[in-house]
Protein backbone atom coordinates (compact mmCIF):
# COMPACT_ATOMS: atom_id res chain seq x y z
CA MET A 1 72.10 142.57 92.95
CA ARG A 2 71.99 141.16 96.45
CA ASP A 3 68.19 140.41 96.26
CA LYS A 4 68.91 138.81 92.68
CA ASN A 5 71.45 136.56 94.05
CA ASN A 6 69.38 135.60 97.11
CA GLY A 7 66.77 134.78 94.52
CA LEU A 8 68.78 132.56 92.70
CA LEU A 9 70.07 130.70 95.76
CA LYS A 10 66.24 130.08 96.85
CA ILE A 11 65.58 128.66 93.27
CA VAL A 12 68.84 126.49 93.51
CA HIS A 13 67.75 125.11 97.08
CA LYS A 14 64.37 124.06 95.65
CA ILE A 15 65.48 122.56 92.61
CA LYS A 16 68.38 120.44 94.11
CA PRO A 17 66.35 118.16 96.41
CA LEU A 18 64.29 117.51 93.25
CA HIS A 19 67.23 116.75 91.23
CA ILE A 20 68.60 114.35 94.00
CA MET A 21 65.24 112.70 94.06
CA ALA A 22 65.11 112.09 90.07
CA MET A 23 68.76 110.92 90.46
CA ARG A 24 67.65 108.17 93.11
CA ARG A 25 64.55 107.41 91.25
CA GLN A 26 66.67 106.80 88.01
CA ALA A 27 69.11 104.59 89.96
CA ALA A 28 66.67 102.53 91.59
CA GLY A 29 65.24 101.89 87.92
CA GLU A 30 68.23 100.64 86.60
CA ALA A 31 69.09 98.38 89.44
CA GLY A 32 65.52 96.80 89.68
CA ARG A 33 65.43 95.96 85.85
CA ALA A 34 69.11 94.67 86.19
CA PHE A 35 68.25 92.46 89.27
CA ASP A 36 64.93 91.35 87.89
CA ASP A 37 66.61 89.99 84.42
CA VAL A 38 66.67 86.45 85.27
CA LEU A 39 68.34 85.28 82.11
CA ASN A 40 71.18 87.79 82.48
CA PRO A 41 72.49 88.77 86.14
CA PRO A 42 73.97 91.85 86.68
CA VAL A 43 77.77 92.35 86.06
CA LEU A 44 79.56 94.70 88.93
CA ILE A 45 82.72 96.24 88.12
CA TYR A 46 83.53 96.69 91.78
CA GLN A 47 86.84 97.99 92.71
CA MET A 48 88.43 100.90 94.72
CA GLY A 49 88.67 104.10 92.78
CA THR A 50 90.78 105.16 90.17
CA VAL A 51 91.81 101.67 89.16
CA GLY A 52 90.30 101.45 85.48
CA SER A 53 86.64 100.54 86.13
CA GLY A 54 85.77 102.99 83.37
CA THR A 55 87.90 101.17 80.89
CA VAL A 56 86.44 97.96 81.47
CA ALA A 57 82.84 99.26 81.57
CA HIS A 58 83.65 101.11 78.07
CA SER A 59 85.02 97.86 76.61
CA LEU A 60 81.94 95.76 77.70
CA GLU A 61 79.59 98.33 76.40
CA ALA A 62 81.34 98.22 73.11
CA VAL A 63 81.13 94.50 72.85
CA GLY A 64 77.27 94.56 73.53
CA ILE A 65 76.81 92.38 76.58
CA ASP A 66 73.24 91.56 77.46
CA SER A 67 73.81 91.86 81.20
CA ALA A 68 73.51 95.50 82.78
CA VAL A 69 77.08 96.63 83.79
CA PHE A 70 77.48 98.69 86.86
CA HIS A 71 80.92 100.14 88.20
CA VAL A 72 80.90 100.89 91.61
CA ASN A 73 83.58 101.55 94.60
CA ILE A 74 81.43 100.99 97.63
CA LEU A 75 78.72 98.78 98.84
CA SER A 76 79.37 98.29 102.29
CA GLU A 77 78.50 100.31 105.36
CA ASP A 78 81.14 102.80 104.27
CA LEU A 79 78.88 104.28 101.70
CA GLU A 80 77.16 106.74 104.12
CA TYR A 81 80.74 107.83 105.48
CA TYR A 82 81.87 108.74 101.97
CA GLY A 83 78.49 110.44 101.14
CA ARG A 84 79.04 112.72 104.19
CA ALA A 85 82.71 113.32 103.25
CA GLN A 86 81.83 114.54 99.73
CA ARG A 87 79.09 116.68 100.82
CA LYS A 88 81.21 118.39 103.40
CA ALA A 89 83.85 118.95 100.46
CA GLY A 90 81.09 120.72 98.67
CA VAL A 91 79.68 117.96 96.40
CA ASN A 92 76.18 117.96 96.54
CA PRO A 93 74.34 116.43 94.67
CA LEU A 94 76.54 113.53 94.78
CA PRO A 95 77.94 111.80 91.79
CA TYR A 96 75.43 109.46 90.12
CA HIS A 97 77.33 106.29 91.02
CA MET A 98 76.71 106.91 94.70
CA TYR A 99 73.15 106.89 94.41
CA LEU A 100 73.66 103.62 92.10
CA SER A 101 75.54 102.13 94.76
CA GLU A 102 72.53 102.87 96.97
CA ALA A 103 70.11 101.30 94.73
CA ILE A 104 72.34 98.08 94.14
CA ARG A 105 72.95 97.38 97.65
CA ASP A 106 69.18 97.78 98.23
CA ARG A 107 68.58 95.12 95.72
CA LEU A 108 71.48 92.57 97.05
CA ARG A 109 69.47 92.87 100.42
CA ARG A 110 66.14 92.44 98.78
CA GLN A 111 66.91 89.77 96.39
CA PRO A 112 69.62 87.53 97.93
CA ASP A 113 69.06 84.88 95.32
CA VAL A 114 70.20 86.86 92.37
CA PRO A 115 73.71 85.81 91.27
CA VAL A 116 76.13 88.55 90.61
CA ARG A 117 79.43 88.34 88.53
CA ILE A 118 81.99 90.97 89.70
CA ILE A 119 85.26 91.99 87.79
CA SER A 120 87.64 93.93 90.25
CA LEU A 121 91.03 95.61 89.32
CA VAL A 122 94.18 96.19 91.52
CA ARG A 123 96.66 98.72 90.90
CA ASP A 124 100.26 99.86 91.88
CA PRO A 125 99.48 102.14 94.92
CA VAL A 126 101.92 104.98 93.95
CA ALA A 127 100.28 104.94 90.50
CA TRP A 128 96.62 105.03 92.35
CA ALA A 129 97.87 108.06 94.49
CA VAL A 130 98.69 110.03 91.55
CA SER A 131 95.61 109.28 89.67
CA ASN A 132 93.30 109.83 92.62
CA VAL A 133 94.46 113.54 93.01
CA PHE A 134 93.19 114.39 89.55
CA GLN A 135 90.20 112.38 89.73
CA ASN A 136 89.18 113.63 93.25
CA PRO A 137 91.29 116.85 93.94
CA PHE A 138 88.31 118.17 96.09
CA PHE A 139 89.21 115.60 98.75
CA ALA A 140 92.76 117.08 99.15
CA PRO A 141 93.16 118.69 102.58
CA GLU A 142 94.81 121.55 100.50
CA SER A 143 93.68 123.24 97.23
CA VAL A 144 95.57 121.66 94.49
CA GLN A 145 93.72 123.70 91.84
CA ALA A 146 94.76 126.49 89.76
CA PRO A 147 92.53 129.71 89.42
CA ASN A 148 90.65 128.32 86.38
CA GLY A 149 89.58 125.14 88.24
CA MET A 150 92.17 122.80 86.56
CA VAL A 151 94.62 120.60 88.77
CA ASP A 152 97.73 122.77 89.17
CA THR A 153 100.69 120.37 88.27
CA GLN A 154 103.30 121.94 90.83
CA LYS A 155 100.65 121.95 93.60
CA ALA A 156 99.65 118.69 92.96
CA GLY A 157 103.25 117.19 92.57
CA ASN A 158 104.20 118.82 95.92
CA TYR A 159 101.01 117.66 97.69
CA LEU A 160 101.62 114.21 96.41
CA MET A 161 105.21 113.82 97.76
CA ARG A 162 103.85 114.57 101.06
CA GLU A 163 100.97 112.35 101.08
CA LEU A 164 103.17 109.21 99.75
CA GLU A 165 105.25 109.74 102.94
CA ASN A 166 102.39 109.16 105.11
CA PRO A 167 101.70 105.23 105.48
CA LYS A 168 98.17 105.81 106.55
CA ASN A 169 97.12 107.24 103.20
CA PHE A 170 97.42 103.75 101.79
CA ASP A 171 94.80 102.42 104.33
CA TYR A 172 92.55 102.49 101.86
CA VAL A 173 94.18 100.49 99.08
CA ASN A 174 95.34 97.88 101.80
CA GLN A 175 91.76 97.42 103.28
CA TRP A 176 89.54 97.49 100.54
CA PHE A 177 88.94 94.01 99.67
CA ASP A 178 88.28 93.21 103.38
CA ARG A 179 85.99 96.29 103.89
CA GLU A 180 84.13 95.75 100.35
CA LEU A 181 84.37 92.42 98.84
CA LYS A 182 84.48 90.29 101.99
CA SER A 183 81.88 92.09 104.16
CA VAL A 184 79.48 92.51 101.25
CA PHE A 185 79.81 89.07 99.51
CA GLY A 186 82.08 86.85 101.72
CA ILE A 187 84.84 86.70 99.22
CA ASP A 188 88.19 86.64 101.07
CA VAL A 189 90.80 87.13 98.45
CA PHE A 190 93.51 86.84 101.00
CA ALA A 191 92.62 83.47 102.10
CA GLU A 192 94.77 81.60 99.48
CA PRO A 193 97.71 82.75 97.46
CA PHE A 194 97.26 84.84 94.44
CA PRO A 195 98.86 83.34 91.18
CA VAL A 196 101.50 86.46 90.82
CA HIS A 197 102.58 85.09 87.57
CA THR A 198 99.09 84.65 85.86
CA GLY A 199 97.99 88.10 87.06
CA PHE A 200 94.26 87.06 87.61
CA ALA A 201 92.20 84.66 89.42
CA ILE A 202 88.54 83.98 89.98
CA TYR A 203 86.98 83.66 93.54
CA ARG A 204 83.40 82.28 94.37
CA GLN A 205 81.36 82.55 97.54
CA ASP A 206 77.47 81.68 97.50
CA ARG A 207 75.72 84.07 95.16
CA ALA A 208 78.75 85.72 93.74
CA GLU A 209 81.70 84.91 91.52
CA ALA A 210 84.79 87.58 91.20
CA LEU A 211 87.21 87.72 88.70
CA VAL A 212 90.38 89.97 90.38
CA ILE A 213 92.82 91.11 87.71
CA ARG A 214 95.84 93.45 88.08
CA MET A 215 95.52 96.64 86.03
CA GLU A 216 99.06 96.23 84.73
CA ASP A 217 97.90 93.01 83.09
CA LEU A 218 94.81 94.19 81.56
CA PRO A 219 95.98 95.20 78.14
CA GLU A 220 97.60 91.70 77.62
CA LYS A 221 95.58 89.26 79.58
CA GLY A 222 92.32 91.06 80.31
CA PRO A 223 90.28 90.33 76.77
CA GLN A 224 90.90 86.78 77.18
CA ALA A 225 90.23 86.59 80.98
CA ILE A 226 87.23 88.63 80.98
CA ALA A 227 85.64 87.11 77.92
CA ALA A 228 86.06 83.55 79.36
CA PHE A 229 84.73 84.73 82.87
CA LEU A 230 81.52 86.22 81.17
CA GLY A 231 81.02 83.73 78.53
CA LEU A 232 81.35 86.17 75.87
CA VAL A 233 81.30 85.10 72.05
CA GLY A 234 83.77 87.13 69.93
CA ARG A 235 86.96 89.37 70.81
CA LEU A 236 86.81 91.74 73.39
CA GLU A 237 88.95 94.74 72.97
CA ILE A 238 90.10 96.78 75.94
CA ARG A 239 89.24 100.53 75.31
CA LYS A 240 90.72 103.15 77.34
CA ALA A 241 88.21 105.39 79.02
CA SER A 242 91.01 107.77 80.02
CA VAL A 243 93.53 109.08 77.65
CA ARG A 244 95.99 110.07 80.05
CA GLU A 245 98.72 107.72 79.27
CA ASP A 246 98.54 108.50 75.57
CA SER A 247 98.37 112.46 76.14
CA ASP A 248 100.98 114.95 75.15
CA THR A 249 103.74 115.38 77.42
CA ASP A 250 102.28 118.98 78.61
CA ASP A 251 99.22 116.80 80.21
CA PRO A 252 99.04 117.86 83.70
CA TYR A 253 98.51 114.29 85.10
CA ARG A 254 101.78 113.31 83.07
CA GLU A 255 103.71 116.23 84.51
CA ALA A 256 102.71 115.35 88.06
CA ARG A 257 103.38 111.89 87.74
CA ASP A 258 106.87 112.77 86.14
CA ARG A 259 107.52 114.87 89.19
CA VAL A 260 107.25 112.00 91.67
CA ARG A 261 110.92 111.00 92.84
CA LEU A 262 110.94 108.43 95.77
CA SER A 263 113.35 106.80 97.93
CA ARG A 264 113.95 103.04 98.02
CA GLU A 265 113.34 103.42 101.68
CA LEU A 266 110.02 104.93 101.01
CA CYS A 267 109.31 102.48 98.20
CA GLY A 268 110.06 99.60 100.51
CA GLN A 269 107.54 100.98 103.23
CA ILE A 270 104.91 101.41 100.52
CA TYR A 271 105.26 98.15 98.78
CA SER A 272 105.30 96.14 102.17
CA GLY A 273 101.71 96.74 102.50
CA ARG A 274 99.13 93.57 102.37
CA LEU A 275 97.70 94.46 98.83
CA VAL A 276 101.04 94.68 96.98
CA GLN A 277 102.55 91.76 98.74
CA HIS A 278 99.55 89.54 98.11
CA PHE A 279 99.03 90.59 94.38
CA TYR A 280 102.59 91.34 92.96
CA SER A 281 105.81 89.34 92.45
CA LYS A 282 109.17 90.31 93.73
CA GLU A 283 110.07 91.44 90.28
CA LEU A 284 106.99 93.41 89.54
CA ILE A 285 107.51 95.40 92.93
CA GLU A 286 111.19 95.84 92.11
CA SER A 287 109.78 97.27 88.80
CA PHE A 288 107.75 99.44 90.25
CA THR A 289 110.60 100.79 92.61
CA ARG A 290 112.86 101.50 89.83
CA ARG A 291 110.10 103.68 88.26
CA TRP A 292 109.42 105.39 91.09
CA THR A 293 113.03 106.20 92.19
CA GLY A 294 113.71 107.32 88.29
CA GLU A 295 116.03 104.32 88.17
CA ALA A 296 114.26 102.70 85.47
């Protein structure tokens, strides 16, 4: 049995590099075709993870947009860091979007004159943290999974409560726009006030223009804002890529989310961060606070 297992391991070690090579080649081909299409410049759904990129991509695919649509989280020099972190967590090969990010970054450098349109969403940081545990459980420093491989609701809820009390865990959301959109495209969303009562804004810098919209406003304002930004003809419908919010009450995500109860003091600390203070009104911040304290 041991010899058989060793033989299988040898086969896996031989196949894995070939699989990685194939994914890199596929990603390079996709990016190359998109950046070479002079009539239909690429659209990047470029934002921090677990903020609805799948929903926007799914909606654009359904409407039949001519441009290639890619959703990526990292195009900066941080890409190598996150790749190493995932490999350390046992994720190898990496998710395909990581190889796609490498290919797109390469094309951005090699073809600096190709225009790029960007859609980027922002989200309530507490809701982001809850969703992140379910989408990336392997990044948790302690196991939040049940023996069957699914996320354990109680473990996830307890882990979340501890994580939410550490302000450093929100550095990612508070720094994402500077580390990514600003460093890669020169777009500084914090340079001017955000129209908090509108919920979205467009920024332009050299080759890139970016539509930034709050995820909370996506169902109501997203269709018109995105259609106008991309020059789409016809109605755009927002189609959820995730059914979590519509699932039954025994859904683990919903159960873990409903376990989260924060004090007003802790909510005040979390919502004093740069991202929330810039993109959200006092009224919306209060509604978030009431939700997570259980006052709503």
